[in-house]
């Protein structure tokens, strides 16, 4: 099992000074390595069709409507599932989570992995590489402990990769972005498209 993880928004709580009002973590789950590879190739081929550089990175908040339409149409036919969590920051009251961005980020990841309804087991987790190595190591330790991973066996490997080189992390960014846009009433058609094609397992509004 391969799980690609990315987010939309930022984990800060200074919403009056530029922080996003919501934070979304999205998981794109593949049960088959070959299916993941086929999806990745489809995204790479899409770059050629759109006549962009092979290093072009698909990011929801930077793509125009034409690129979004082309992207989602390119990936709809593959077998993967989406699970996500939405945090509306107005409903987060913990002083620690509101004060420490990395703690909130780690907590958000833990929550969406923990409440997976038995769908995630022995997975290889792939994150966008972010922050210093020390921060990434802390996340690994935190998830192992908080998920009781030795017993629960939710994941067997956790790696951080450059999203510019990993098209499936880009897929999780596009998914997280469309979920955030839907929740905020900005652009609902892309999530609707994913739901109509039965790609969405669960989207949980955390309260």
N, C-alpha and C. Protein backbone atom coordinates (compact mmCIF):
# COMPACT_ATOMS: atom_id res chain seq x y z
N UNK A 1 0.84 -1.18 0.00
CA UNK A 1 0.00 0.00 0.00
C UNK A 1 0.88 1.25 0.00
N UNK A 2 0.56 2.18 -0.89
CA UNK A 2 1.26 3.45 -0.97
C UNK A 2 0.28 4.57 -0.62
N UNK A 3 0.72 5.48 0.25
CA UNK A 3 -0.12 6.61 0.63
C UNK A 3 0.68 7.90 0.43
N UNK A 4 0.15 8.77 -0.41
CA UNK A 4 0.79 10.05 -0.70
C UNK A 4 0.02 11.15 0.03
N UNK A 5 0.76 12.00 0.74
CA UNK A 5 0.15 12.93 1.68
C UNK A 5 0.60 14.37 1.40
N UNK A 6 -0.36 15.26 1.31
CA UNK A 6 -0.04 16.68 1.19
C UNK A 6 -1.19 17.48 1.79
N UNK A 7 -1.00 18.79 1.86
CA UNK A 7 -1.98 19.62 2.53
C UNK A 7 -2.32 20.85 1.72
N UNK A 8 -3.40 21.50 2.12
CA UNK A 8 -3.78 22.80 1.58
C UNK A 8 -3.93 23.76 2.75
N UNK A 9 -3.41 24.96 2.58
CA UNK A 9 -3.40 25.90 3.69
C UNK A 9 -2.12 25.75 4.48
N UNK A 10 -2.05 26.46 5.57
CA UNK A 10 -0.87 26.41 6.42
C UNK A 10 -1.29 26.13 7.86
N UNK A 11 -0.37 25.62 8.69
CA UNK A 11 -0.74 25.26 10.06
C UNK A 11 -0.72 26.41 11.06
N UNK A 12 -0.53 27.62 10.57
CA UNK A 12 -0.52 28.77 11.48
C UNK A 12 -1.92 29.24 11.84
N UNK A 13 -2.01 29.99 12.95
CA UNK A 13 -3.32 30.45 13.43
C UNK A 13 -3.45 31.97 13.41
N UNK A 14 -2.53 32.65 12.76
CA UNK A 14 -2.63 34.10 12.63
C UNK A 14 -3.50 34.44 11.42
N UNK A 15 -4.77 34.05 11.50
CA UNK A 15 -5.65 34.18 10.33
C UNK A 15 -5.91 35.63 9.94
N UNK A 16 -5.75 36.56 10.88
CA UNK A 16 -5.94 37.98 10.56
C UNK A 16 -4.70 38.57 9.92
N UNK A 17 -3.61 37.78 9.94
CA UNK A 17 -2.34 38.28 9.39
C UNK A 17 -1.85 37.44 8.23
N UNK A 18 -2.75 36.68 7.63
CA UNK A 18 -2.37 35.95 6.43
C UNK A 18 -2.45 34.45 6.49
N UNK A 19 -2.57 33.86 7.69
CA UNK A 19 -2.71 32.41 7.77
C UNK A 19 -4.05 31.98 7.18
N UNK A 20 -4.09 30.80 6.61
CA UNK A 20 -5.32 30.32 5.99
C UNK A 20 -6.37 30.01 7.06
N UNK A 21 -7.65 30.24 6.77
CA UNK A 21 -8.70 29.97 7.76
C UNK A 21 -8.94 28.49 7.98
N UNK A 22 -8.55 27.66 7.01
CA UNK A 22 -8.72 26.21 7.17
C UNK A 22 -7.40 25.51 6.82
N UNK A 23 -7.32 24.26 7.24
CA UNK A 23 -6.15 23.43 6.94
C UNK A 23 -6.66 22.06 6.55
N UNK A 24 -6.25 21.58 5.40
CA UNK A 24 -6.71 20.29 4.88
C UNK A 24 -5.51 19.36 4.69
N UNK A 25 -5.64 18.13 5.15
CA UNK A 25 -4.65 17.09 4.86
C UNK A 25 -5.34 16.03 4.03
N UNK A 26 -4.76 15.71 2.88
CA UNK A 26 -5.35 14.71 1.99
C UNK A 26 -4.40 13.53 1.80
N UNK A 27 -4.99 12.34 1.81
CA UNK A 27 -4.27 11.11 1.53
C UNK A 27 -4.76 10.55 0.20
N UNK A 28 -3.84 10.18 -0.67
CA UNK A 28 -4.19 9.46 -1.90
C UNK A 28 -3.61 8.06 -1.75
N UNK A 29 -4.48 7.06 -1.73
CA UNK A 29 -4.11 5.70 -1.33
C UNK A 29 -4.17 4.75 -2.53
N UNK A 30 -3.05 4.10 -2.79
CA UNK A 30 -2.97 3.07 -3.83
C UNK A 30 -2.73 1.72 -3.17
N UNK A 31 -3.50 0.73 -3.57
CA UNK A 31 -3.28 -0.64 -3.09
C UNK A 31 -2.38 -1.44 -4.03
N UNK A 32 -1.99 -0.83 -5.12
CA UNK A 32 -1.24 -1.55 -6.14
C UNK A 32 -0.13 -0.65 -6.68
N UNK A 33 1.11 -1.14 -6.64
CA UNK A 33 2.25 -0.37 -7.11
C UNK A 33 2.13 -0.04 -8.60
N UNK A 34 1.68 -1.01 -9.39
CA UNK A 34 1.57 -0.81 -10.83
C UNK A 34 0.56 0.28 -11.15
N UNK A 35 -0.55 0.29 -10.40
CA UNK A 35 -1.56 1.32 -10.62
C UNK A 35 -1.01 2.71 -10.29
N UNK A 36 -0.21 2.78 -9.23
CA UNK A 36 0.43 4.04 -8.87
C UNK A 36 1.37 4.50 -9.98
N UNK A 37 2.13 3.58 -10.53
CA UNK A 37 3.06 3.91 -11.60
C UNK A 37 2.32 4.38 -12.85
N UNK A 38 1.22 3.72 -13.19
CA UNK A 38 0.42 4.12 -14.35
C UNK A 38 -0.13 5.54 -14.17
N UNK A 39 -0.57 5.84 -12.96
CA UNK A 39 -1.10 7.17 -12.67
C UNK A 39 0.00 8.22 -12.80
N UNK A 40 1.16 7.89 -12.28
CA UNK A 40 2.30 8.81 -12.38
C UNK A 40 2.67 9.07 -13.83
N UNK A 41 2.68 8.03 -14.64
CA UNK A 41 3.02 8.18 -16.06
C UNK A 41 1.98 9.06 -16.77
N UNK A 42 0.71 8.89 -16.41
CA UNK A 42 -0.35 9.70 -17.01
C UNK A 42 -0.14 11.18 -16.72
N UNK A 43 0.31 11.49 -15.51
CA UNK A 43 0.58 12.89 -15.16
C UNK A 43 1.79 13.41 -15.93
N UNK A 44 2.80 12.58 -16.08
CA UNK A 44 3.98 12.99 -16.85
C UNK A 44 3.62 13.21 -18.32
N UNK A 45 2.78 12.33 -18.85
CA UNK A 45 2.34 12.50 -20.25
C UNK A 45 1.50 13.76 -20.42
N UNK A 46 0.73 14.10 -19.37
CA UNK A 46 -0.08 15.32 -19.43
C UNK A 46 0.80 16.55 -19.57
N UNK A 47 1.96 16.56 -18.91
CA UNK A 47 2.88 17.68 -19.07
C UNK A 47 3.22 17.89 -20.54
N UNK A 48 3.47 16.79 -21.24
CA UNK A 48 3.82 16.89 -22.66
C UNK A 48 2.64 17.44 -23.46
N UNK A 49 1.44 16.97 -23.14
CA UNK A 49 0.26 17.44 -23.87
C UNK A 49 0.03 18.94 -23.64
N UNK A 50 0.32 19.38 -22.42
CA UNK A 50 0.13 20.80 -22.09
C UNK A 50 1.32 21.65 -22.51
N UNK A 51 2.37 20.98 -23.01
CA UNK A 51 3.57 21.66 -23.49
C UNK A 51 4.25 22.49 -22.40
N UNK A 52 4.37 21.86 -21.22
CA UNK A 52 5.11 22.48 -20.14
C UNK A 52 6.39 21.67 -19.90
N UNK A 53 7.28 22.24 -19.15
CA UNK A 53 8.56 21.59 -18.85
C UNK A 53 8.33 20.29 -18.08
N UNK A 54 9.22 19.32 -18.28
CA UNK A 54 9.11 18.04 -17.56
C UNK A 54 9.24 18.22 -16.05
N UNK A 55 9.74 19.35 -15.61
CA UNK A 55 9.88 19.63 -14.17
C UNK A 55 8.70 20.45 -13.64
N UNK A 56 7.72 20.73 -14.51
CA UNK A 56 6.55 21.50 -14.08
C UNK A 56 5.83 20.77 -12.95
N UNK A 57 5.44 21.53 -11.91
CA UNK A 57 4.77 20.96 -10.74
C UNK A 57 3.31 21.38 -10.73
N UNK A 58 2.42 20.41 -10.71
CA UNK A 58 0.99 20.70 -10.60
C UNK A 58 0.66 21.03 -9.14
N UNK A 59 0.21 22.25 -8.92
CA UNK A 59 -0.23 22.69 -7.60
C UNK A 59 -1.58 23.39 -7.78
N UNK A 60 -2.55 22.97 -6.98
CA UNK A 60 -3.92 23.43 -7.18
C UNK A 60 -4.02 24.95 -7.19
N UNK A 61 -3.37 25.60 -6.25
CA UNK A 61 -3.52 27.05 -6.11
C UNK A 61 -2.74 27.84 -7.16
N UNK A 62 -1.96 27.12 -7.99
CA UNK A 62 -1.21 27.81 -9.03
C UNK A 62 -1.67 27.44 -10.43
N UNK A 63 -2.57 26.46 -10.53
CA UNK A 63 -3.07 26.03 -11.83
C UNK A 63 -4.33 26.80 -12.21
N UNK A 64 -4.44 27.17 -13.48
CA UNK A 64 -5.68 27.80 -13.94
C UNK A 64 -6.72 26.73 -14.21
N UNK A 65 -7.92 27.14 -14.59
CA UNK A 65 -9.03 26.20 -14.79
C UNK A 65 -8.74 25.19 -15.89
N UNK A 66 -8.07 25.62 -16.93
CA UNK A 66 -7.75 24.70 -18.03
C UNK A 66 -6.83 23.58 -17.56
N UNK A 67 -5.83 23.94 -16.79
CA UNK A 67 -4.90 22.94 -16.28
C UNK A 67 -5.57 22.01 -15.27
N UNK A 68 -6.44 22.56 -14.43
CA UNK A 68 -7.16 21.73 -13.46
C UNK A 68 -8.05 20.72 -14.17
N UNK A 69 -8.75 21.18 -15.17
CA UNK A 69 -9.63 20.27 -15.92
C UNK A 69 -8.82 19.16 -16.57
N UNK A 70 -7.72 19.51 -17.18
CA UNK A 70 -6.88 18.52 -17.84
C UNK A 70 -6.30 17.53 -16.83
N UNK A 71 -5.88 18.04 -15.68
CA UNK A 71 -5.27 17.18 -14.67
C UNK A 71 -6.27 16.17 -14.12
N UNK A 72 -7.41 16.64 -13.66
CA UNK A 72 -8.36 15.72 -13.04
C UNK A 72 -8.92 14.72 -14.05
N UNK A 73 -9.12 15.15 -15.27
CA UNK A 73 -9.57 14.21 -16.30
C UNK A 73 -8.51 13.15 -16.58
N UNK A 74 -7.24 13.52 -16.46
CA UNK A 74 -6.15 12.58 -16.73
C UNK A 74 -6.03 11.50 -15.66
N UNK A 75 -6.44 11.80 -14.42
CA UNK A 75 -6.22 10.84 -13.32
C UNK A 75 -7.49 10.12 -12.87
N UNK A 76 -8.63 10.46 -13.44
CA UNK A 76 -9.89 9.88 -12.97
C UNK A 76 -9.99 8.38 -13.21
N UNK A 77 -9.37 7.89 -14.25
CA UNK A 77 -9.57 6.50 -14.63
C UNK A 77 -8.74 5.48 -13.87
N UNK A 78 -7.96 5.93 -12.91
CA UNK A 78 -7.08 5.01 -12.18
C UNK A 78 -7.67 4.64 -10.82
N UNK A 79 -7.18 3.54 -10.28
CA UNK A 79 -7.76 2.99 -9.05
C UNK A 79 -6.99 3.45 -7.82
N UNK A 80 -7.51 4.46 -7.17
CA UNK A 80 -6.97 4.96 -5.91
C UNK A 80 -8.13 5.50 -5.09
N UNK A 81 -7.88 5.71 -3.81
CA UNK A 81 -8.92 6.25 -2.94
C UNK A 81 -8.39 7.47 -2.20
N UNK A 82 -9.32 8.34 -1.86
CA UNK A 82 -8.98 9.59 -1.17
C UNK A 82 -9.60 9.60 0.22
N UNK A 83 -8.78 9.92 1.20
CA UNK A 83 -9.25 10.19 2.54
C UNK A 83 -8.67 11.54 2.95
N UNK A 84 -9.44 12.34 3.66
CA UNK A 84 -8.95 13.68 4.01
C UNK A 84 -9.58 14.16 5.31
N UNK A 85 -8.93 15.15 5.89
CA UNK A 85 -9.45 15.79 7.09
C UNK A 85 -9.40 17.30 6.89
N UNK A 86 -10.45 17.99 7.32
CA UNK A 86 -10.54 19.44 7.22
C UNK A 86 -10.56 20.02 8.63
N UNK A 87 -9.67 20.97 8.89
CA UNK A 87 -9.68 21.70 10.16
C UNK A 87 -10.11 23.14 9.88
N UNK A 88 -11.26 23.52 10.42
CA UNK A 88 -11.68 24.91 10.43
C UNK A 88 -11.08 25.51 11.70
N UNK A 89 -10.14 26.43 11.54
CA UNK A 89 -9.35 26.89 12.68
C UNK A 89 -10.17 27.62 13.75
N UNK A 90 -11.35 28.09 13.37
CA UNK A 90 -12.22 28.74 14.37
C UNK A 90 -12.69 27.75 15.43
N UNK A 91 -12.60 26.44 15.11
CA UNK A 91 -13.09 25.42 16.04
C UNK A 91 -11.95 24.65 16.71
N UNK A 92 -10.73 25.15 16.60
CA UNK A 92 -9.58 24.54 17.29
C UNK A 92 -9.28 25.41 18.51
N UNK A 93 -9.45 24.82 19.69
CA UNK A 93 -9.34 25.59 20.93
C UNK A 93 -8.09 25.29 21.75
N UNK A 94 -7.40 24.21 21.45
CA UNK A 94 -6.22 23.84 22.23
C UNK A 94 -5.15 24.93 22.15
N UNK A 95 -4.73 25.49 23.29
CA UNK A 95 -3.68 26.53 23.27
C UNK A 95 -2.39 26.04 22.64
N UNK A 96 -2.03 24.79 22.91
CA UNK A 96 -0.78 24.28 22.36
C UNK A 96 -0.84 24.17 20.83
N UNK A 97 -1.93 23.63 20.32
CA UNK A 97 -2.05 23.49 18.87
C UNK A 97 -2.10 24.85 18.19
N UNK A 98 -2.72 25.81 18.84
CA UNK A 98 -2.82 27.15 18.26
C UNK A 98 -1.50 27.91 18.35
N UNK A 99 -0.62 27.48 19.24
CA UNK A 99 0.64 28.21 19.47
C UNK A 99 1.83 27.62 18.74
N UNK A 100 1.77 26.32 18.43
CA UNK A 100 2.93 25.65 17.83
C UNK A 100 2.52 25.00 16.51
N UNK A 101 2.97 25.59 15.42
CA UNK A 101 2.55 25.14 14.10
C UNK A 101 2.95 23.69 13.82
N UNK A 102 4.15 23.31 14.21
CA UNK A 102 4.60 21.95 13.92
C UNK A 102 3.79 20.93 14.71
N UNK A 103 3.41 21.29 15.94
CA UNK A 103 2.57 20.38 16.74
C UNK A 103 1.21 20.21 16.10
N UNK A 104 0.65 21.29 15.60
CA UNK A 104 -0.66 21.20 14.95
C UNK A 104 -0.55 20.38 13.66
N UNK A 105 0.50 20.60 12.89
CA UNK A 105 0.70 19.83 11.66
C UNK A 105 0.79 18.34 11.96
N UNK A 106 1.60 17.99 12.96
CA UNK A 106 1.77 16.58 13.32
C UNK A 106 0.46 15.99 13.82
N UNK A 107 -0.28 16.76 14.60
CA UNK A 107 -1.57 16.30 15.13
C UNK A 107 -2.56 16.05 13.98
N UNK A 108 -2.56 16.92 13.00
CA UNK A 108 -3.46 16.77 11.86
C UNK A 108 -3.15 15.49 11.08
N UNK A 109 -1.87 15.24 10.83
CA UNK A 109 -1.47 14.02 10.12
C UNK A 109 -1.88 12.79 10.92
N UNK A 110 -1.62 12.83 12.22
CA UNK A 110 -1.94 11.69 13.08
C UNK A 110 -3.44 11.39 13.05
N UNK A 111 -4.26 12.42 13.12
CA UNK A 111 -5.71 12.22 13.16
C UNK A 111 -6.23 11.54 11.89
N UNK A 112 -5.79 12.00 10.73
CA UNK A 112 -6.32 11.43 9.49
C UNK A 112 -5.81 10.00 9.28
N UNK A 113 -4.61 9.69 9.80
CA UNK A 113 -4.12 8.31 9.71
C UNK A 113 -4.79 7.40 10.73
N UNK A 114 -5.03 7.92 11.91
CA UNK A 114 -5.61 7.12 12.97
C UNK A 114 -7.04 6.72 12.65
N UNK A 115 -7.84 7.65 12.19
CA UNK A 115 -9.26 7.39 11.92
C UNK A 115 -9.43 6.99 10.47
N UNK A 116 -8.89 5.82 10.13
CA UNK A 116 -8.88 5.39 8.74
C UNK A 116 -9.86 4.25 8.47
N UNK A 117 -10.65 3.87 9.49
CA UNK A 117 -11.69 2.82 9.34
C UNK A 117 -11.11 1.51 8.80
N UNK A 118 -9.88 1.23 9.23
CA UNK A 118 -9.25 -0.03 8.84
C UNK A 118 -8.77 -0.09 7.41
N UNK A 119 -8.76 1.06 6.72
CA UNK A 119 -8.40 1.07 5.31
C UNK A 119 -6.89 1.15 5.08
N UNK A 120 -6.13 1.55 6.09
CA UNK A 120 -4.69 1.74 5.90
C UNK A 120 -3.92 0.78 6.80
N UNK A 121 -3.15 -0.10 6.19
CA UNK A 121 -2.34 -1.07 6.94
C UNK A 121 -1.02 -1.29 6.22
N UNK A 122 0.06 -1.30 7.01
CA UNK A 122 1.40 -1.57 6.48
C UNK A 122 1.72 -0.72 5.26
N UNK A 123 1.36 0.54 5.34
CA UNK A 123 1.52 1.43 4.20
C UNK A 123 2.91 2.06 4.16
N UNK A 124 3.30 2.41 2.96
CA UNK A 124 4.47 3.25 2.77
C UNK A 124 3.97 4.68 2.58
N UNK A 125 4.30 5.54 3.53
CA UNK A 125 3.83 6.92 3.51
C UNK A 125 4.84 7.80 2.78
N UNK A 126 4.34 8.65 1.90
CA UNK A 126 5.19 9.57 1.14
C UNK A 126 4.72 11.00 1.38
N UNK A 127 5.59 11.81 1.98
CA UNK A 127 5.29 13.21 2.27
C UNK A 127 6.14 14.12 1.38
N UNK A 128 5.63 15.33 1.16
CA UNK A 128 6.47 16.36 0.58
C UNK A 128 7.54 16.74 1.60
N UNK A 129 8.76 16.85 1.12
CA UNK A 129 9.86 17.20 2.02
C UNK A 129 9.68 18.63 2.49
N UNK A 130 9.57 18.82 3.80
CA UNK A 130 9.34 20.16 4.36
C UNK A 130 10.11 20.31 5.66
N UNK A 131 10.63 21.50 5.89
CA UNK A 131 11.31 21.77 7.15
C UNK A 131 12.66 21.08 7.28
N UNK A 132 13.28 21.26 8.40
CA UNK A 132 14.58 20.66 8.68
C UNK A 132 14.43 19.17 8.97
N UNK A 133 15.54 18.46 8.82
CA UNK A 133 15.54 17.02 9.07
C UNK A 133 15.07 16.72 10.50
N UNK A 134 15.46 17.56 11.44
CA UNK A 134 15.05 17.35 12.84
C UNK A 134 13.53 17.37 12.97
N UNK A 135 12.87 18.28 12.24
CA UNK A 135 11.41 18.36 12.29
C UNK A 135 10.79 17.11 11.69
N UNK A 136 11.36 16.64 10.59
CA UNK A 136 10.84 15.43 9.95
C UNK A 136 11.03 14.21 10.85
N UNK A 137 12.17 14.14 11.53
CA UNK A 137 12.42 13.02 12.45
C UNK A 137 11.43 13.04 13.61
N UNK A 138 11.11 14.24 14.09
CA UNK A 138 10.14 14.36 15.18
C UNK A 138 8.76 13.88 14.74
N UNK A 139 8.39 14.19 13.50
CA UNK A 139 7.10 13.73 12.99
C UNK A 139 7.06 12.21 12.94
N UNK A 140 8.14 11.60 12.48
CA UNK A 140 8.21 10.14 12.40
C UNK A 140 8.04 9.51 13.79
N UNK A 141 8.72 10.05 14.78
CA UNK A 141 8.63 9.52 16.13
C UNK A 141 7.24 9.75 16.70
N UNK A 142 6.70 10.94 16.48
CA UNK A 142 5.37 11.28 17.00
C UNK A 142 4.31 10.35 16.43
N UNK A 143 4.35 10.12 15.12
CA UNK A 143 3.35 9.25 14.51
C UNK A 143 3.48 7.81 15.00
N UNK A 144 4.70 7.34 15.12
CA UNK A 144 4.91 5.97 15.60
C UNK A 144 4.33 5.79 17.00
N UNK A 145 4.57 6.77 17.86
CA UNK A 145 4.09 6.68 19.24
C UNK A 145 2.58 6.90 19.33
N UNK A 146 2.08 7.96 18.69
CA UNK A 146 0.67 8.32 18.82
C UNK A 146 -0.27 7.31 18.17
N UNK A 147 0.22 6.65 17.12
CA UNK A 147 -0.61 5.64 16.43
C UNK A 147 -0.39 4.25 17.00
N UNK A 148 0.50 4.14 18.01
CA UNK A 148 0.87 2.82 18.54
C UNK A 148 1.19 1.89 17.36
N UNK A 149 2.11 2.37 16.54
CA UNK A 149 2.30 1.74 15.23
C UNK A 149 2.87 0.33 15.31
N UNK A 150 3.63 0.02 16.36
CA UNK A 150 4.16 -1.34 16.48
C UNK A 150 3.04 -2.36 16.57
N UNK A 151 1.95 -1.95 17.21
CA UNK A 151 0.80 -2.85 17.34
C UNK A 151 -0.19 -2.66 16.19
N UNK A 152 -0.49 -1.41 15.88
CA UNK A 152 -1.52 -1.14 14.87
C UNK A 152 -1.06 -1.35 13.45
N UNK A 153 0.28 -1.22 13.23
CA UNK A 153 0.87 -1.47 11.91
C UNK A 153 0.18 -0.66 10.80
N UNK A 154 -0.08 0.62 11.08
CA UNK A 154 -0.67 1.47 10.05
C UNK A 154 0.34 1.75 8.95
N UNK A 155 1.60 2.00 9.34
CA UNK A 155 2.61 2.22 8.30
C UNK A 155 3.88 1.45 8.63
N UNK A 156 4.58 1.07 7.57
CA UNK A 156 5.84 0.37 7.75
C UNK A 156 7.03 1.18 7.26
N UNK A 157 6.75 2.29 6.60
CA UNK A 157 7.82 3.13 6.08
C UNK A 157 7.29 4.54 5.93
N UNK A 158 8.15 5.52 6.14
CA UNK A 158 7.76 6.92 6.04
C UNK A 158 8.92 7.67 5.40
N UNK A 159 8.65 8.28 4.25
CA UNK A 159 9.72 8.98 3.55
C UNK A 159 9.26 10.37 3.11
N UNK A 160 10.23 11.26 3.03
CA UNK A 160 9.98 12.62 2.57
C UNK A 160 10.66 12.81 1.22
N UNK A 161 9.89 13.23 0.23
CA UNK A 161 10.41 13.36 -1.13
C UNK A 161 10.07 14.73 -1.69
N UNK A 162 10.87 15.17 -2.62
CA UNK A 162 10.66 16.46 -3.27
C UNK A 162 9.43 16.37 -4.17
N UNK A 163 8.41 17.17 -3.88
CA UNK A 163 7.17 17.10 -4.65
C UNK A 163 7.39 17.47 -6.11
N UNK A 164 8.44 18.23 -6.41
CA UNK A 164 8.71 18.59 -7.81
C UNK A 164 9.09 17.36 -8.63
N UNK A 165 9.55 16.32 -7.95
CA UNK A 165 9.96 15.11 -8.64
C UNK A 165 8.99 13.94 -8.44
N UNK A 166 7.99 14.13 -7.59
CA UNK A 166 7.04 13.06 -7.31
C UNK A 166 5.64 13.50 -7.74
N UNK A 167 5.19 12.98 -8.86
CA UNK A 167 3.90 13.43 -9.41
C UNK A 167 2.72 12.99 -8.55
N UNK A 168 2.88 11.94 -7.74
CA UNK A 168 1.76 11.48 -6.92
C UNK A 168 1.61 12.31 -5.65
N UNK A 169 2.68 12.92 -5.19
CA UNK A 169 2.53 13.94 -4.15
C UNK A 169 1.83 15.16 -4.74
N UNK A 170 2.12 15.46 -6.00
CA UNK A 170 1.40 16.54 -6.67
C UNK A 170 -0.09 16.22 -6.78
N UNK A 171 -0.40 14.95 -7.02
CA UNK A 171 -1.81 14.54 -7.04
C UNK A 171 -2.47 14.81 -5.70
N UNK A 172 -1.78 14.50 -4.61
CA UNK A 172 -2.36 14.75 -3.28
C UNK A 172 -2.51 16.24 -3.02
N UNK A 173 -1.61 17.07 -3.55
CA UNK A 173 -1.75 18.52 -3.45
C UNK A 173 -3.00 18.99 -4.19
N UNK A 174 -3.20 18.48 -5.40
CA UNK A 174 -4.37 18.87 -6.18
C UNK A 174 -5.67 18.45 -5.49
N UNK A 175 -5.64 17.27 -4.88
CA UNK A 175 -6.81 16.78 -4.15
C UNK A 175 -7.08 17.64 -2.93
N UNK A 176 -6.04 17.91 -2.14
CA UNK A 176 -6.22 18.75 -0.94
C UNK A 176 -6.74 20.13 -1.33
N UNK A 177 -6.20 20.67 -2.41
CA UNK A 177 -6.63 21.99 -2.85
C UNK A 177 -8.08 22.04 -3.27
N UNK A 178 -8.54 21.01 -3.97
CA UNK A 178 -9.94 21.03 -4.42
C UNK A 178 -10.89 20.82 -3.25
N UNK A 179 -10.45 20.07 -2.23
CA UNK A 179 -11.28 19.90 -1.02
C UNK A 179 -11.40 21.22 -0.27
N UNK A 180 -10.29 21.94 -0.15
CA UNK A 180 -10.32 23.24 0.51
C UNK A 180 -11.20 24.23 -0.26
N UNK A 181 -11.09 24.22 -1.58
CA UNK A 181 -11.90 25.13 -2.40
C UNK A 181 -13.39 24.81 -2.26
N UNK A 182 -13.71 23.52 -2.21
CA UNK A 182 -15.10 23.11 -2.04
C UNK A 182 -15.64 23.55 -0.68
N UNK A 183 -14.88 23.33 0.37
CA UNK A 183 -15.34 23.66 1.72
C UNK A 183 -15.59 25.17 1.85
N UNK A 184 -14.76 25.96 1.21
CA UNK A 184 -14.88 27.41 1.31
C UNK A 184 -15.84 28.01 0.28
N UNK A 185 -16.47 27.13 -0.52
CA UNK A 185 -17.45 27.59 -1.49
C UNK A 185 -16.85 28.34 -2.66
N UNK A 186 -15.57 28.12 -2.94
CA UNK A 186 -14.90 28.85 -4.02
C UNK A 186 -15.00 28.14 -5.36
N UNK A 187 -14.90 26.82 -5.35
CA UNK A 187 -14.88 26.06 -6.61
C UNK A 187 -15.22 24.62 -6.26
N UNK A 188 -16.46 24.22 -6.54
CA UNK A 188 -16.95 22.92 -6.09
C UNK A 188 -16.89 21.82 -7.15
N UNK A 189 -16.58 22.17 -8.38
CA UNK A 189 -16.74 21.17 -9.45
C UNK A 189 -15.71 20.06 -9.41
N UNK A 190 -14.50 20.33 -8.91
CA UNK A 190 -13.46 19.30 -8.97
C UNK A 190 -13.69 18.21 -7.95
N UNK A 191 -14.06 18.56 -6.73
CA UNK A 191 -14.37 17.54 -5.74
C UNK A 191 -15.62 16.76 -6.15
N UNK A 192 -16.59 17.46 -6.71
CA UNK A 192 -17.79 16.78 -7.20
C UNK A 192 -17.41 15.74 -8.25
N UNK A 193 -16.49 16.10 -9.13
CA UNK A 193 -16.03 15.18 -10.17
C UNK A 193 -15.39 13.94 -9.56
N UNK A 194 -14.55 14.12 -8.55
CA UNK A 194 -13.90 12.99 -7.88
C UNK A 194 -14.92 12.10 -7.19
N UNK A 195 -15.91 12.71 -6.56
CA UNK A 195 -16.96 11.93 -5.89
C UNK A 195 -17.79 11.15 -6.90
N UNK A 196 -18.15 11.77 -7.99
CA UNK A 196 -18.95 11.10 -9.01
C UNK A 196 -18.23 9.89 -9.59
N UNK A 197 -16.91 9.95 -9.59
CA UNK A 197 -16.10 8.84 -10.12
C UNK A 197 -15.62 7.90 -9.01
N UNK A 198 -16.22 8.02 -7.83
CA UNK A 198 -15.99 7.11 -6.71
C UNK A 198 -14.53 7.03 -6.27
N UNK A 199 -13.88 8.15 -6.30
CA UNK A 199 -12.49 8.20 -5.83
C UNK A 199 -12.42 8.57 -4.34
N UNK A 200 -13.48 9.12 -3.78
CA UNK A 200 -13.45 9.62 -2.41
C UNK A 200 -14.02 8.60 -1.44
N UNK A 201 -13.20 8.19 -0.47
CA UNK A 201 -13.65 7.30 0.61
C UNK A 201 -14.26 8.08 1.76
N UNK A 202 -13.53 9.12 2.21
CA UNK A 202 -14.01 9.84 3.41
C UNK A 202 -13.36 11.22 3.46
N UNK A 203 -14.16 12.23 3.78
CA UNK A 203 -13.65 13.56 4.10
C UNK A 203 -14.27 13.94 5.44
N UNK A 204 -13.43 14.15 6.41
CA UNK A 204 -13.86 14.35 7.80
C UNK A 204 -13.63 15.80 8.22
N UNK A 205 -14.69 16.48 8.61
CA UNK A 205 -14.56 17.82 9.18
C UNK A 205 -14.30 17.67 10.67
N UNK A 206 -13.11 18.00 11.10
CA UNK A 206 -12.69 17.81 12.49
C UNK A 206 -13.32 18.88 13.37
N UNK A 207 -13.94 18.43 14.48
CA UNK A 207 -14.50 19.38 15.46
C UNK A 207 -14.23 18.86 16.86
